[in-house]
Every structure is written in C-alpha cells, then in structure tokens.
C-alpha cells in the first residue's frame, strides 16, 4: 500500500498510575507509533487547554503530529487504541479525565463514515486544542468535509482558553 499522510491529535490531563506527567505519557505514545507503522514527520508545540466541555477536571496538554503510514484507516485507529490501552487508558465514560487520548483527525483528506470509524474526526473543527496546533504546522490544511482551511476554522472558533506550554 502507498504511504498515506495522517494527522493525529494527542492529549491527556491526568498522570499515569506510576505518576508520569501527561506530556511524558504522550511522548511515550509518539515513540510507540513506529512499532505500528506510523512514522511521525512533524510535531506541533505542546498546548495547555481547559477541558471541553468545561468541568473541574485538570487542564489538558495537547499537540498534533503529522505522520505517514502504510496502514488503512481502520488499522490506524485500532493501533491508536492499542497504544492508549498500553499506556493505561481505559474507556469508561465520555469526556472523562484521561492519561492519554489519541485521535485520528485526518487520513489523506479522505471522508469516511461507518459504524467503525469516522474520518475526519467529527468534532476536530470545533476544538481549538486541535485546530491551533494543526494550524501551527499547516495554516492551509483544508478540512475535507467543510472545505475551509485551518486558519479560517480557527477564526470561527469560540474563545477557548489555550496557551503554549513551556516546560
């Protein structure tokens, strides 16, 4: 299979069971990508953001990576879920605090919707914590469904609290 360009959102807002900070857990996830035929080509800065929907959870730490893969869409998604599980994520409640969150935002600008997968990620364009780091890497990335670029999407987003995180 030909290489496909993918965009992955990475985040987390609680420490792992061994006390590892969410950014360090996310760095481990990025390192694991290569074991699943996902080769990172670019990474955004780290951003600190409030949880969405707003709650009393701790803030999230997020970034975006661009990568290449020979996997199909569903195999990428399954690989991301395996990595999450390996790092201690257990999916029990929607919008819960999590040690790691890996979302497939885009797969070679394809549009795909079935019971197993939706690409592009259906809420990415509503989330500054996705669009801000994505625009940092590519202001001209065009949302496959909306047909507008990341810079324009950002202008239309509500003011969600976000800042670049400097360790």
Foldseek 3Di string as FASTA:
>chain_A
DDKKKWKKKKKAQAAFPVRHGLVVLRVVLQVCVVVLQKAWDDKFFWKWFAQPVHDPGGTMIMIMTITIGPDDPLSVVVSSVVSQVVRPFDDDDPSDGGSMDMATQAINLDADDDPRDGPNPPCLLADCRNLVNVCVVPQADARSPVRGGSVVSVVPYDDTDMDGDDD
